[in-house]
Amino acid sequence: MIMRSATCKDALMPSPSPYTRPVRILLVEDHDMVAEAICLALERSPELKIVARAGSVASALVDAQRHQPDVVLMDRRLPDGDGVTAIAELLALAPDARVLVLAGEGSASVAARVAEAGGAGLILKARGLRELEEAVHRVAAGEVVFSQDLLGDVLDQLTGRAPGLGANLTPREREALHLLGEGRTTAEISDQLGVALNTGRNHVQRVLEKLGARSQLEAVTIARREGLLT
């Protein structure tokens, strides 16, 4: 994957910006075609400028420190880590930046994690490039941007009125879930936890019940969606 800094201004020639300085954006996306489409779409606006592109958390941290962007547009899933988890490190290196997370799918739990980490919002890739451009403008202006269908649940979780999915998992069940995420069998999970096979099966079964999953694969899928697994 590309891990480089680049701008797109040679691809499009936007009209002069009416602002003294355009909003400077660090785009963090590991898929080249997606990154290029976003880059071209955002730089149609003379008020926005991509100052760097990164394809991993590691390169994003380097570019954030080097360029001190106004907005970091951060893909949630990257080859070397979770974009939400990286928010605190990004803000430590570029304290004036606003971090907007871009995700393929979202949930109230993931959105709440973004807010708790100091992120400025979460937008779904399915929303389209025009809505993404608007979200970047709003975040740069100091707003917090979350999808309307997630916002109420996010506020409930942040104020403690509604526990997130998986909040009732015990420490042992969380261990079992992480082992499921690594592709371990029930026998391997039991061995890793140092419990009898039947006890291991019970842990896995309770994980499925608490996540509302019908299979181990579905449990892992739900856990990843909810940010319980990175």
C-alpha atoms as a PDB file:
ATOM      1  CA  MET A   1       0.000   0.000   0.000  1.00  0.00           C
ATOM      2  CA  ILE A   2       1.082   3.600  -0.628  1.00  0.00           C
ATOM      3  CA  MET A   3       2.646   5.277   2.385  1.00  0.00           C
ATOM      4  CA  ARG A   4       3.613   8.618   0.920  1.00  0.00           C
ATOM      5  CA  SER A   5       2.831  12.274   1.100  1.00  0.00           C
ATOM      6  CA  ALA A   6       1.290  13.761  -2.021  1.00  0.00           C
ATOM      7  CA  THR A   7      -1.105  16.455  -3.148  1.00  0.00           C
ATOM      8  CA  CYS A   8      -3.660  16.382  -5.934  1.00  0.00           C
ATOM      9  CA  LYS A   9      -3.444  19.979  -7.111  1.00  0.00           C
ATOM     10  CA  ASP A  10      -1.902  18.936 -10.420  1.00  0.00           C
ATOM     11  CA  ALA A  11      -4.961  16.800 -11.198  1.00  0.00           C
ATOM     12  CA  LEU A  12      -7.466  19.636 -10.841  1.00  0.00           C
ATOM     13  CA  MET A  13      -7.040  23.382 -11.163  1.00  0.00           C
ATOM     14  CA  PRO A  14      -9.476  24.849  -8.636  1.00  0.00           C
ATOM     15  CA  SER A  15     -10.487  28.492  -8.769  1.00  0.00           C
ATOM     16  CA  PRO A  16      -8.685  30.820  -6.346  1.00  0.00           C
ATOM     17  CA  SER A  17      -9.854  30.498  -2.764  1.00  0.00           C
ATOM     18  CA  PRO A  18     -11.783  33.425  -1.251  1.00  0.00           C
ATOM     19  CA  TYR A  19     -10.183  32.509   2.093  1.00  0.00           C
ATOM     20  CA  THR A  20      -6.743  33.608   3.277  1.00  0.00           C
ATOM     21  CA  ARG A  21      -5.753  29.994   3.744  1.00  0.00           C
ATOM     22  CA  PRO A  22      -7.575  26.838   2.681  1.00  0.00           C
ATOM     23  CA  VAL A  23      -8.377  24.085   5.183  1.00  0.00           C
ATOM     24  CA  ARG A  24      -5.340  21.816   5.218  1.00  0.00           C
ATOM     25  CA  ILE A  25      -6.236  18.118   5.197  1.00  0.00           C
ATOM     26  CA  LEU A  26      -4.250  14.977   5.945  1.00  0.00           C
ATOM     27  CA  LEU A  27      -5.980  12.071   4.186  1.00  0.00           C
ATOM     28  CA  VAL A  28      -5.325   8.645   5.701  1.00  0.00           C
ATOM     29  CA  GLU A  29      -6.623   5.859   3.443  1.00  0.00           C
ATOM     30  CA  ASP A  30      -4.803   2.694   2.371  1.00  0.00           C
ATOM     31  CA  HIS A  31      -6.783   1.981  -0.814  1.00  0.00           C
ATOM     32  CA  ASP A  32      -5.268   4.017  -3.640  1.00  0.00           C
ATOM     33  CA  MET A  33      -8.408   4.305  -5.796  1.00  0.00           C
ATOM     34  CA  VAL A  34     -10.541   5.403  -2.847  1.00  0.00           C
ATOM     35  CA  ALA A  35      -7.881   7.863  -1.701  1.00  0.00           C
ATOM     36  CA  GLU A  36      -7.556   9.360  -5.180  1.00  0.00           C
ATOM     37  CA  ALA A  37     -11.332   9.759  -5.556  1.00  0.00           C
ATOM     38  CA  ILE A  38     -11.578  11.491  -2.166  1.00  0.00           C
ATOM     39  CA  CYS A  39      -8.587  13.663  -2.949  1.00  0.00           C
ATOM     40  CA  LEU A  40      -9.992  14.851  -6.270  1.00  0.00           C
ATOM     41  CA  ALA A  41     -13.482  15.403  -4.844  1.00  0.00           C
ATOM     42  CA  LEU A  42     -12.303  17.480  -1.889  1.00  0.00           C
ATOM     43  CA  GLU A  43      -9.948  19.647  -3.912  1.00  0.00           C
ATOM     44  CA  ARG A  44     -12.805  20.682  -6.165  1.00  0.00           C
ATOM     45  CA  SER A  45     -13.506  23.090  -3.338  1.00  0.00           C
ATOM     46  CA  PRO A  46     -11.015  25.982  -3.323  1.00  0.00           C
ATOM     47  CA  GLU A  47     -11.376  26.139   0.475  1.00  0.00           C
ATOM     48  CA  LEU A  48      -9.919  22.636   0.915  1.00  0.00           C
ATOM     49  CA  LYS A  49      -6.399  21.390   0.256  1.00  0.00           C
ATOM     50  CA  ILE A  50      -4.891  17.917   0.690  1.00  0.00           C
ATOM     51  CA  VAL A  51      -1.439  18.556   2.140  1.00  0.00           C
ATOM     52  CA  ALA A  52      -0.499  14.888   2.605  1.00  0.00           C
ATOM     53  CA  ARG A  53      -1.698  11.349   2.025  1.00  0.00           C
ATOM     54  CA  ALA A  54      -0.872   8.377   4.222  1.00  0.00           C
ATOM     55  CA  GLY A  55      -1.712   4.686   3.966  1.00  0.00           C
ATOM     56  CA  SER A  56      -1.100   3.557   7.525  1.00  0.00           C
ATOM     57  CA  VAL A  57      -1.312   4.702  11.139  1.00  0.00           C
ATOM     58  CA  ALA A  58       2.481   4.940  11.337  1.00  0.00           C
ATOM     59  CA  SER A  59       2.811   7.208   8.300  1.00  0.00           C
ATOM     60  CA  ALA A  60      -0.220   9.250   9.435  1.00  0.00           C
ATOM     61  CA  LEU A  61       1.543  10.047  12.717  1.00  0.00           C
ATOM     62  CA  VAL A  62       4.658  11.177  10.850  1.00  0.00           C
ATOM     63  CA  ASP A  63       2.644  13.353   8.452  1.00  0.00           C
ATOM     64  CA  ALA A  64       0.491  14.811  11.240  1.00  0.00           C
ATOM     65  CA  GLN A  65       3.589  16.011  13.076  1.00  0.00           C
ATOM     66  CA  ARG A  66       5.241  17.288   9.902  1.00  0.00           C
ATOM     67  CA  HIS A  67       2.275  19.113   8.328  1.00  0.00           C
ATOM     68  CA  GLN A  68       0.137  20.110  11.362  1.00  0.00           C
ATOM     69  CA  PRO A  69      -3.111  19.757   9.361  1.00  0.00           C
ATOM     70  CA  ASP A  70      -6.404  21.422  10.245  1.00  0.00           C
ATOM     71  CA  VAL A  71      -8.352  18.217   9.574  1.00  0.00           C
ATOM     72  CA  VAL A  72      -7.273  14.580   9.564  1.00  0.00           C
ATOM     73  CA  LEU A  73      -9.642  12.444   7.492  1.00  0.00           C
ATOM     74  CA  MET A  74      -8.884   9.005   8.919  1.00  0.00           C
ATOM     75  CA  ASP A  75     -10.017   5.623   7.611  1.00  0.00           C
ATOM     76  CA  ARG A  76     -11.109   3.416  10.489  1.00  0.00           C
ATOM     77  CA  ARG A  77      -9.427   0.194   9.314  1.00  0.00           C
ATOM     78  CA  LEU A  78      -5.768   0.465   8.325  1.00  0.00           C
ATOM     79  CA  PRO A  79      -3.100  -2.189   7.706  1.00  0.00           C
ATOM     80  CA  ASP A  80      -1.296  -1.508  10.981  1.00  0.00           C
ATOM     81  CA  GLY A  81      -4.147  -0.597  13.305  1.00  0.00           C
ATOM     82  CA  ASP A  82      -7.494   0.974  14.084  1.00  0.00           C
ATOM     83  CA  GLY A  83      -8.011   4.609  13.099  1.00  0.00           C
ATOM     84  CA  VAL A  84     -10.148   5.302  16.167  1.00  0.00           C
ATOM     85  CA  THR A  85      -7.449   4.025  18.522  1.00  0.00           C
ATOM     86  CA  ALA A  86      -4.919   6.300  16.779  1.00  0.00           C
ATOM     87  CA  ILE A  87      -6.877   9.513  17.446  1.00  0.00           C
ATOM     88  CA  ALA A  88      -5.194  10.253  20.789  1.00  0.00           C
ATOM     89  CA  GLU A  89      -1.705   9.840  19.285  1.00  0.00           C
ATOM     90  CA  LEU A  90      -2.610  12.061  16.333  1.00  0.00           C
ATOM     91  CA  LEU A  91      -3.912  14.813  18.598  1.00  0.00           C
ATOM     92  CA  ALA A  92      -0.799  14.602  20.771  1.00  0.00           C
ATOM     93  CA  LEU A  93       1.321  15.313  17.687  1.00  0.00           C
ATOM     94  CA  ALA A  94      -1.052  17.823  16.046  1.00  0.00           C
ATOM     95  CA  PRO A  95      -3.123  19.312  18.898  1.00  0.00           C
ATOM     96  CA  ASP A  96      -4.991  21.804  16.708  1.00  0.00           C
ATOM     97  CA  ALA A  97      -6.157  19.152  14.236  1.00  0.00           C
ATOM     98  CA  ARG A  98      -9.743  17.921  14.028  1.00  0.00           C
ATOM     99  CA  VAL A  99     -10.032  14.170  13.333  1.00  0.00           C
ATOM    100  CA  LEU A 100     -12.930  12.927  11.189  1.00  0.00           C
ATOM    101  CA  VAL A 101     -13.154   9.137  10.955  1.00  0.00           C
ATOM    102  CA  LEU A 102     -14.237   7.546   7.676  1.00  0.00           C
ATOM    103  CA  ALA A 103     -15.798   4.080   8.040  1.00  0.00           C
ATOM    104  CA  GLY A 104     -17.302   1.427   5.804  1.00  0.00           C
ATOM    105  CA  GLU A 105     -19.933   0.733   8.456  1.00  0.00           C
ATOM    106  CA  GLY A 106     -20.746   2.360  11.743  1.00  0.00           C
ATOM    107  CA  SER A 107     -22.538   1.835  15.021  1.00  0.00           C
ATOM    108  CA  ALA A 108     -23.299   3.901  18.083  1.00  0.00           C
ATOM    109  CA  SER A 109     -20.539   2.085  19.982  1.00  0.00           C
ATOM    110  CA  VAL A 110     -17.886   2.961  17.401  1.00  0.00           C
ATOM    111  CA  ALA A 111     -19.144   6.550  17.145  1.00  0.00           C
ATOM    112  CA  ALA A 112     -19.027   6.849  20.947  1.00  0.00           C
ATOM    113  CA  ARG A 113     -15.416   5.614  20.891  1.00  0.00           C
ATOM    114  CA  VAL A 114     -14.589   8.341  18.358  1.00  0.00           C
ATOM    115  CA  ALA A 115     -16.136  11.008  20.582  1.00  0.00           C
ATOM    116  CA  GLU A 116     -14.467   9.676  23.731  1.00  0.00           C
ATOM    117  CA  ALA A 117     -11.064   9.688  21.987  1.00  0.00           C
ATOM    118  CA  GLY A 118     -11.471  13.355  21.061  1.00  0.00           C
ATOM    119  CA  GLY A 119     -12.511  12.824  17.443  1.00  0.00           C
ATOM    120  CA  ALA A 120     -14.695  15.381  15.665  1.00  0.00           C
ATOM    121  CA  GLY A 121     -17.026  12.887  14.053  1.00  0.00           C
ATOM    122  CA  LEU A 122     -17.647   9.773  12.016  1.00  0.00           C
ATOM    123  CA  ILE A 123     -18.980   9.597   8.481  1.00  0.00           C
ATOM    124  CA  LEU A 124     -19.817   6.485   6.472  1.00  0.00           C
ATOM    125  CA  LYS A 125     -18.213   5.894   3.075  1.00  0.00           C
ATOM    126  CA  ALA A 126     -21.637   5.051   1.666  1.00  0.00           C
ATOM    127  CA  ARG A 127     -22.766   8.648   2.226  1.00  0.00           C
ATOM    128  CA  GLY A 128     -20.976   9.825  -0.896  1.00  0.00           C
ATOM    129  CA  LEU A 129     -18.279  12.350  -1.729  1.00  0.00           C
ATOM    130  CA  ARG A 130     -20.496  15.449  -1.632  1.00  0.00           C
ATOM    131  CA  GLU A 131     -21.609  14.689   1.916  1.00  0.00           C
ATOM    132  CA  LEU A 132     -18.000  13.956   2.851  1.00  0.00           C
ATOM    133  CA  GLU A 133     -16.951  17.370   1.548  1.00  0.00           C
ATOM    134  CA  GLU A 134     -19.689  19.011   3.618  1.00  0.00           C
ATOM    135  CA  ALA A 135     -18.618  17.062   6.707  1.00  0.00           C
ATOM    136  CA  VAL A 136     -15.007  18.215   6.303  1.00  0.00           C
ATOM    137  CA  HIS A 137     -16.152  21.848   6.027  1.00  0.00           C
ATOM    138  CA  ARG A 138     -18.295  21.488   9.156  1.00  0.00           C
ATOM    139  CA  VAL A 139     -15.570  19.793  11.172  1.00  0.00           C
ATOM    140  CA  ALA A 140     -13.065  22.474  10.130  1.00  0.00           C
ATOM    141  CA  ALA A 141     -15.554  25.094  11.332  1.00  0.00           C
ATOM    142  CA  GLY A 142     -15.580  23.500  14.780  1.00  0.00           C
ATOM    143  CA  GLU A 143     -18.691  21.338  14.534  1.00  0.00           C
ATOM    144  CA  VAL A 144     -18.982  17.706  15.592  1.00  0.00           C
ATOM    145  CA  VAL A 145     -20.382  15.534  12.803  1.00  0.00           C
ATOM    146  CA  PHE A 146     -22.104  12.191  13.345  1.00  0.00           C
ATOM    147  CA  SER A 147     -24.767  10.490  11.270  1.00  0.00           C
ATOM    148  CA  GLN A 148     -28.239  11.522  12.458  1.00  0.00           C
ATOM    149  CA  ASP A 149     -29.317   7.904  12.910  1.00  0.00           C
ATOM    150  CA  LEU A 150     -26.389   7.358  15.319  1.00  0.00           C
ATOM    151  CA  LEU A 151     -26.384  10.659  17.169  1.00  0.00           C
ATOM    152  CA  GLY A 152     -29.084   9.897  19.749  1.00  0.00           C
ATOM    153  CA  ASP A 153     -27.535   6.544  20.657  1.00  0.00           C
ATOM    154  CA  VAL A 154     -24.077   8.128  20.845  1.00  0.00           C
ATOM    155  CA  LEU A 155     -25.332  10.706  23.353  1.00  0.00           C
ATOM    156  CA  ASP A 156     -27.041   7.984  25.389  1.00  0.00           C
ATOM    157  CA  GLN A 157     -23.840   5.957  25.574  1.00  0.00           C
ATOM    158  CA  LEU A 158     -21.659   8.958  26.421  1.00  0.00           C
ATOM    159  CA  THR A 159     -24.011   9.991  29.230  1.00  0.00           C
ATOM    160  CA  GLY A 160     -24.299   6.419  30.504  1.00  0.00           C
ATOM    161  CA  ARG A 161     -27.989   6.081  29.752  1.00  0.00           C
ATOM    162  CA  ALA A 162     -27.479   3.156  27.381  1.00  0.00           C
ATOM    163  CA  PRO A 163     -24.707   0.557  27.670  1.00  0.00           C
ATOM    164  CA  GLY A 164     -22.961  -0.398  24.459  1.00  0.00           C
ATOM    165  CA  LEU A 165     -23.398  -3.835  22.941  1.00  0.00           C
ATOM    166  CA  GLY A 166     -21.011  -6.194  24.694  1.00  0.00           C
ATOM    167  CA  ALA A 167     -20.700  -3.998  27.788  1.00  0.00           C
ATOM    168  CA  ASN A 168     -21.996  -6.899  29.899  1.00  0.00           C
ATOM    169  CA  LEU A 169     -19.287  -9.340  28.782  1.00  0.00           C
ATOM    170  CA  THR A 170     -17.209 -10.646  31.667  1.00  0.00           C
ATOM    171  CA  PRO A 171     -13.381 -10.465  31.480  1.00  0.00           C
ATOM    172  CA  ARG A 172     -13.281 -14.208  30.660  1.00  0.00           C
ATOM    173  CA  GLU A 173     -15.879 -13.766  27.915  1.00  0.00           C
ATOM    174  CA  ARG A 174     -13.897 -10.882  26.457  1.00  0.00           C
ATOM    175  CA  GLU A 175     -10.828 -13.095  26.367  1.00  0.00           C
ATOM    176  CA  ALA A 176     -12.863 -15.786  24.613  1.00  0.00           C
ATOM    177  CA  LEU A 177     -14.150 -13.216  22.115  1.00  0.00           C
ATOM    178  CA  HIS A 178     -10.629 -12.015  21.283  1.00  0.00           C
ATOM    179  CA  LEU A 179      -9.530 -15.610  20.749  1.00  0.00           C
ATOM    180  CA  LEU A 180     -12.533 -16.153  18.468  1.00  0.00           C
ATOM    181  CA  GLY A 181     -11.386 -13.082  16.553  1.00  0.00           C
ATOM    182  CA  GLU A 182      -8.005 -14.762  16.069  1.00  0.00           C
ATOM    183  CA  GLY A 183      -9.764 -17.760  14.507  1.00  0.00           C
ATOM    184  CA  ARG A 184      -9.242 -20.134  17.435  1.00  0.00           C
ATOM    185  CA  THR A 185     -11.444 -23.208  17.887  1.00  0.00           C
ATOM    186  CA  THR A 186     -13.421 -23.838  21.075  1.00  0.00           C
ATOM    187  CA  ALA A 187     -10.853 -26.449  22.120  1.00  0.00           C
ATOM    188  CA  GLU A 188      -8.001 -23.983  21.559  1.00  0.00           C
ATOM    189  CA  ILE A 189      -9.882 -21.292  23.476  1.00  0.00           C
ATOM    190  CA  SER A 190     -10.405 -23.662  26.411  1.00  0.00           C
ATOM    191  CA  ASP A 191      -6.727 -24.573  26.392  1.00  0.00           C
ATOM    192  CA  GLN A 192      -5.641 -20.929  26.174  1.00  0.00           C
ATOM    193  CA  LEU A 193      -7.921 -19.961  29.064  1.00  0.00           C
ATOM    194  CA  GLY A 194      -6.808 -22.964  31.079  1.00  0.00           C
ATOM    195  CA  VAL A 195     -10.335 -24.300  31.577  1.00  0.00           C
ATOM    196  CA  ALA A 196     -12.176 -27.516  30.781  1.00  0.00           C
ATOM    197  CA  LEU A 197     -13.634 -27.902  27.291  1.00  0.00           C
ATOM    198  CA  ASN A 198     -17.219 -27.623  28.581  1.00  0.00           C
ATOM    199  CA  THR A 199     -16.347 -24.426  30.452  1.00  0.00           C
ATOM    200  CA  GLY A 200     -14.764 -22.998  27.312  1.00  0.00           C
ATOM    201  CA  ARG A 201     -17.894 -23.885  25.319  1.00  0.00           C
ATOM    202  CA  ASN A 202     -20.007 -22.100  27.939  1.00  0.00           C
ATOM    203  CA  HIS A 203     -17.882 -18.946  27.666  1.00  0.00           C
ATOM    204  CA  VAL A 204     -18.234 -18.954  23.879  1.00  0.00           C
ATOM    205  CA  GLN A 205     -21.988 -19.610  24.075  1.00  0.00           C
ATOM    206  CA  ARG A 206     -22.497 -16.693  26.465  1.00  0.00           C
ATOM    207  CA  VAL A 207     -20.521 -14.437  24.114  1.00  0.00           C
ATOM    208  CA  LEU A 208     -22.889 -15.393  21.296  1.00  0.00           C
ATOM    209  CA  GLU A 209     -25.966 -14.793  23.469  1.00  0.00           C
ATOM    210  CA  LYS A 210     -24.811 -11.393  24.716  1.00  0.00           C
ATOM    211  CA  LEU A 211     -23.931 -10.214  21.193  1.00  0.00           C
ATOM    212  CA  GLY A 212     -27.131 -11.624  19.714  1.00  0.00           C
ATOM    213  CA  ALA A 213     -25.151 -13.816  17.311  1.00  0.00           C
ATOM    214  CA  ARG A 214     -26.199 -17.160  15.858  1.00  0.00           C
ATOM    215  CA  SER A 215     -22.692 -18.355  15.076  1.00  0.00           C
ATOM    216  CA  GLN A 216     -19.098 -17.731  16.091  1.00  0.00           C
ATOM    217  CA  LEU A 217     -18.432 -16.037  12.748  1.00  0.00           C
ATOM    218  CA  GLU A 218     -21.396 -13.705  13.251  1.00  0.00           C
ATOM    219  CA  ALA A 219     -20.183 -12.926  16.792  1.00  0.00           C
ATOM    220  CA  VAL A 220     -16.789 -11.884  15.425  1.00  0.00           C
ATOM    221  CA  THR A 221     -18.437  -9.789  12.689  1.00  0.00           C
ATOM    222  CA  ILE A 222     -20.661  -8.006  15.232  1.00  0.00           C
ATOM    223  CA  ALA A 223     -17.732  -7.480  17.599  1.00  0.00           C
ATOM    224  CA  ARG A 224     -15.642  -5.891  14.841  1.00  0.00           C
ATOM    225  CA  ARG A 225     -18.545  -3.662  13.807  1.00  0.00           C
ATOM    226  CA  GLU A 226     -19.069  -2.522  17.405  1.00  0.00           C
ATOM    227  CA  GLY A 227     -15.390  -1.835  17.971  1.00  0.00           C
ATOM    228  CA  LEU A 228     -14.953  -4.675  20.474  1.00  0.00           C
ATOM    229  CA  LEU A 229     -12.249  -6.149  18.249  1.00  0.00           C
ATOM    230  CA  THR A 230      -9.706  -4.077  16.344  1.00  0.00           C
END
